[in-house]
C-alpha atoms as a PDB file:
ATOM      1  CA  MET A   1       0.031  -0.037  -0.008  1.00  0.00           C
ATOM      2  CA  LEU A   2       1.491   3.657  -0.619  1.00  0.00           C
ATOM      3  CA  PRO A   3       1.726   6.224   2.133  1.00  0.00           C
ATOM      4  CA  ASN A   4      -1.161   8.741   1.917  1.00  0.00           C
ATOM      5  CA  VAL A   5       1.006  11.505   0.933  1.00  0.00           C
ATOM      6  CA  VAL A   6       2.449   9.607  -2.268  1.00  0.00           C
ATOM      7  CA  ARG A   7      -1.593   9.047  -2.697  1.00  0.00           C
ATOM      8  CA  ARG A   8      -2.474  12.345  -2.700  1.00  0.00           C
ATOM      9  CA  CYS A   9       0.203  13.324  -4.979  1.00  0.00           C
ATOM     10  CA  LEU A  10       0.006  10.740  -7.604  1.00  0.00           C
ATOM     11  CA  LEU A  11      -3.782  10.450  -8.100  1.00  0.00           C
ATOM     12  CA  PRO A  12      -4.027  13.758  -9.660  1.00  0.00           C
ATOM     13  CA  VAL A  13      -1.018  13.028 -11.756  1.00  0.00           C
ATOM     14  CA  LEU A  14      -2.771  10.166 -12.711  1.00  0.00           C
ATOM     15  CA  ALA A  15      -6.085  12.448 -13.196  1.00  0.00           C
ATOM     16  CA  CYS A  16      -4.423  14.399 -15.503  1.00  0.00           C
ATOM     17  CA  ALA A  17      -2.810  11.697 -17.831  1.00  0.00           C
ATOM     18  CA  ALA A  18      -6.111  10.210 -18.225  1.00  0.00           C
ATOM     19  CA  ILE A  19      -7.869  13.134 -19.394  1.00  0.00           C
ATOM     20  CA  VAL A  20      -5.189  14.089 -21.563  1.00  0.00           C
ATOM     21  CA  ALA A  21      -5.056  10.037 -22.818  1.00  0.00           C
ATOM     22  CA  VAL A  22      -9.002  10.432 -23.407  1.00  0.00           C
ATOM     23  CA  SER A  23      -8.917  13.922 -25.334  1.00  0.00           C
ATOM     24  CA  THR A  24      -6.241  12.425 -27.723  1.00  0.00           C
ATOM     25  CA  VAL A  25      -8.031   9.621 -28.283  1.00  0.00           C
ATOM     26  CA  ALA A  26     -11.646  11.118 -28.804  1.00  0.00           C
ATOM     27  CA  PRO A  27     -12.164  12.580 -32.558  1.00  0.00           C
ATOM     28  CA  SER A  28     -12.649  16.621 -32.749  1.00  0.00           C
ATOM     29  CA  PRO A  29     -15.682  17.608 -33.637  1.00  0.00           C
ATOM     30  CA  ALA A  30     -14.899  18.407 -37.462  1.00  0.00           C
ATOM     31  CA  GLU A  31     -13.142  14.918 -37.648  1.00  0.00           C
ATOM     32  CA  ALA A  32     -16.736  13.923 -36.062  1.00  0.00           C
ATOM     33  CA  SER A  33     -18.659  15.455 -38.641  1.00  0.00           C
ATOM     34  CA  ARG A  34     -16.655  13.786 -41.044  1.00  0.00           C
ATOM     35  CA  LEU A  35     -17.759   9.769 -40.425  1.00  0.00           C
ATOM     36  CA  CYS A  36     -16.687   7.709 -43.416  1.00  0.00           C
ATOM     37  CA  ARG A  37     -18.491   4.557 -44.572  1.00  0.00           C
ATOM     38  CA  PRO A  38     -16.885   1.209 -46.147  1.00  0.00           C
ATOM     39  CA  ALA A  39     -16.131   1.655 -49.762  1.00  0.00           C
ATOM     40  CA  VAL A  40     -18.225   1.604 -52.230  1.00  0.00           C
ATOM     41  CA  GLU A  41     -17.709   0.548 -56.149  1.00  0.00           C
ATOM     42  CA  GLY A  42     -19.508   2.143 -58.948  1.00  0.00           C
ATOM     43  CA  SER A  43     -19.000   0.800 -62.796  1.00  0.00           C
ATOM     44  CA  ALA A  44     -19.907   1.744 -66.086  1.00  0.00           C
ATOM     45  CA  THR A  45     -18.967   1.414 -69.639  1.00  0.00           C
ATOM     46  CA  GLY A  46     -18.799   3.930 -72.706  1.00  0.00           C
ATOM     47  CA  LEU A  47     -18.397   3.972 -76.402  1.00  0.00           C
ATOM     48  CA  GLY A  48     -16.218   6.399 -78.290  1.00  0.00           C
ATOM     49  CA  VAL A  49     -12.787   6.474 -80.414  1.00  0.00           C
ATOM     50  CA  LEU A  50      -9.533   8.266 -79.271  1.00  0.00           C
ATOM     51  CA  GLY A  51     -10.461   8.110 -75.313  1.00  0.00           C
ATOM     52  CA  ARG A  52     -13.813   9.514 -75.598  1.00  0.00           C
ATOM     53  CA  GLY A  53     -15.528   6.013 -74.564  1.00  0.00           C
ATOM     54  CA  GLU A  54     -12.838   6.178 -71.531  1.00  0.00           C
ATOM     55  CA  ARG A  55     -13.916   9.477 -70.289  1.00  0.00           C
ATOM     56  CA  ARG A  56     -17.692   8.615 -70.693  1.00  0.00           C
ATOM     57  CA  ALA A  57     -17.340   5.444 -68.362  1.00  0.00           C
ATOM     58  CA  GLY A  58     -15.667   7.225 -66.020  1.00  0.00           C
ATOM     59  CA  LEU A  59     -18.090  10.015 -65.838  1.00  0.00           C
ATOM     60  CA  LYS A  60     -20.504   7.114 -65.779  1.00  0.00           C
ATOM     61  CA  ALA A  61     -18.907   5.223 -63.297  1.00  0.00           C
ATOM     62  CA  ARG A  62     -18.894   8.259 -61.071  1.00  0.00           C
ATOM     63  CA  THR A  63     -22.649   8.687 -61.370  1.00  0.00           C
ATOM     64  CA  ASP A  64     -22.929   5.153 -60.398  1.00  0.00           C
ATOM     65  CA  TRP A  65     -20.937   5.232 -57.176  1.00  0.00           C
ATOM     66  CA  GLN A  66     -22.862   8.388 -56.217  1.00  0.00           C
ATOM     67  CA  GLN A  67     -26.228   6.558 -57.011  1.00  0.00           C
ATOM     68  CA  LYS A  68     -25.355   3.955 -54.865  1.00  0.00           C
ATOM     69  CA  VAL A  69     -23.743   5.777 -51.989  1.00  0.00           C
ATOM     70  CA  THR A  70     -27.208   7.880 -51.789  1.00  0.00           C
ATOM     71  CA  ALA A  71     -29.303   4.810 -51.866  1.00  0.00           C
ATOM     72  CA  LEU A  72     -26.982   3.528 -48.899  1.00  0.00           C
ATOM     73  CA  TYR A  73     -26.237   6.385 -46.803  1.00  0.00           C
ATOM     74  CA  GLY A  74     -27.682   9.281 -48.338  1.00  0.00           C
ATOM     75  CA  ALA A  75     -26.786  12.349 -50.031  1.00  0.00           C
ATOM     76  CA  ARG A  76     -24.608  14.059 -47.800  1.00  0.00           C
ATOM     77  CA  PHE A  77     -22.005  11.118 -48.351  1.00  0.00           C
ATOM     78  CA  ALA A  78     -22.503  10.966 -52.173  1.00  0.00           C
ATOM     79  CA  SER A  79     -19.652  13.619 -52.686  1.00  0.00           C
ATOM     80  CA  PHE A  80     -16.318  12.689 -54.304  1.00  0.00           C
ATOM     81  CA  SER A  81     -14.728  16.109 -52.573  1.00  0.00           C
ATOM     82  CA  THR A  82     -15.156  14.574 -49.337  1.00  0.00           C
ATOM     83  CA  ALA A  83     -14.699  10.473 -50.290  1.00  0.00           C
ATOM     84  CA  ARG A  84     -11.519   8.946 -49.213  1.00  0.00           C
ATOM     85  CA  GLY A  85      -9.483   6.812 -50.835  1.00  0.00           C
ATOM     86  CA  VAL A  86     -10.788   7.532 -54.329  1.00  0.00           C
ATOM     87  CA  THR A  87      -9.272   4.955 -56.873  1.00  0.00           C
ATOM     88  CA  THR A  88     -10.552   4.709 -60.814  1.00  0.00           C
ATOM     89  CA  ARG A  89      -9.778   1.465 -63.011  1.00  0.00           C
ATOM     90  CA  CYS A  90     -10.432   1.978 -66.765  1.00  0.00           C
ATOM     91  CA  GLN A  91     -10.004  -0.572 -69.525  1.00  0.00           C
ATOM     92  CA  GLY A  92     -10.922  -0.251 -73.122  1.00  0.00           C
ATOM     93  CA  GLY A  93     -10.315  -1.104 -76.167  1.00  0.00           C
ATOM     94  CA  THR A  94     -10.075   0.244 -79.670  1.00  0.00           C
ATOM     95  CA  ILE A  95     -13.138  -1.712 -80.368  1.00  0.00           C
ATOM     96  CA  ALA A  96     -14.673  -2.843 -77.629  1.00  0.00           C
ATOM     97  CA  PRO A  97     -16.412  -0.576 -75.432  1.00  0.00           C
ATOM     98  CA  ALA A  98     -14.185   1.001 -72.226  1.00  0.00           C
ATOM     99  CA  ARG A  99     -15.167  -0.135 -68.748  1.00  0.00           C
ATOM    100  CA  CYS A 100     -14.382   2.182 -65.612  1.00  0.00           C
ATOM    101  CA  THR A 101     -14.348   1.265 -61.904  1.00  0.00           C
ATOM    102  CA  VAL A 102     -14.559   3.552 -59.511  1.00  0.00           C
ATOM    103  CA  ARG A 103     -14.109   2.669 -55.568  1.00  0.00           C
ATOM    104  CA  ALA A 104     -14.153   5.417 -52.840  1.00  0.00           C
ATOM    105  CA  ARG A 105     -14.950   5.384 -49.129  1.00  0.00           C
ATOM    106  CA  PRO A 106     -18.123   7.686 -48.831  1.00  0.00           C
ATOM    107  CA  CYS A 107     -17.830  10.591 -45.834  1.00  0.00           C
ATOM    108  CA  ARG A 108     -19.932  12.928 -44.781  1.00  0.00           C
ATOM    109  CA  GLY A 109     -19.549  16.143 -45.823  1.00  0.00           C
END
């Protein structure tokens, strides 16, 4: 058992340390309002030559992602400006239609 003098000095120090630890782990109000959800994937195809099909497919894939996110989590999450980990993959040929896939974690704006 610790002497009373040590206990009286040690308890306030431990209490302060606990407060500091909790405040650094808890998210700030700005971070809490920017809540993110699991990644969602959108995909689409597009026709066109000289890269136009790929551009069309990319835009359609983003629209598909936004529609899926809106259906799952609401319109506040469906913005690419607040999304995290956005990746876009496109594959296209000169004859076959281009196919694009967009994957991102929707975050509340």
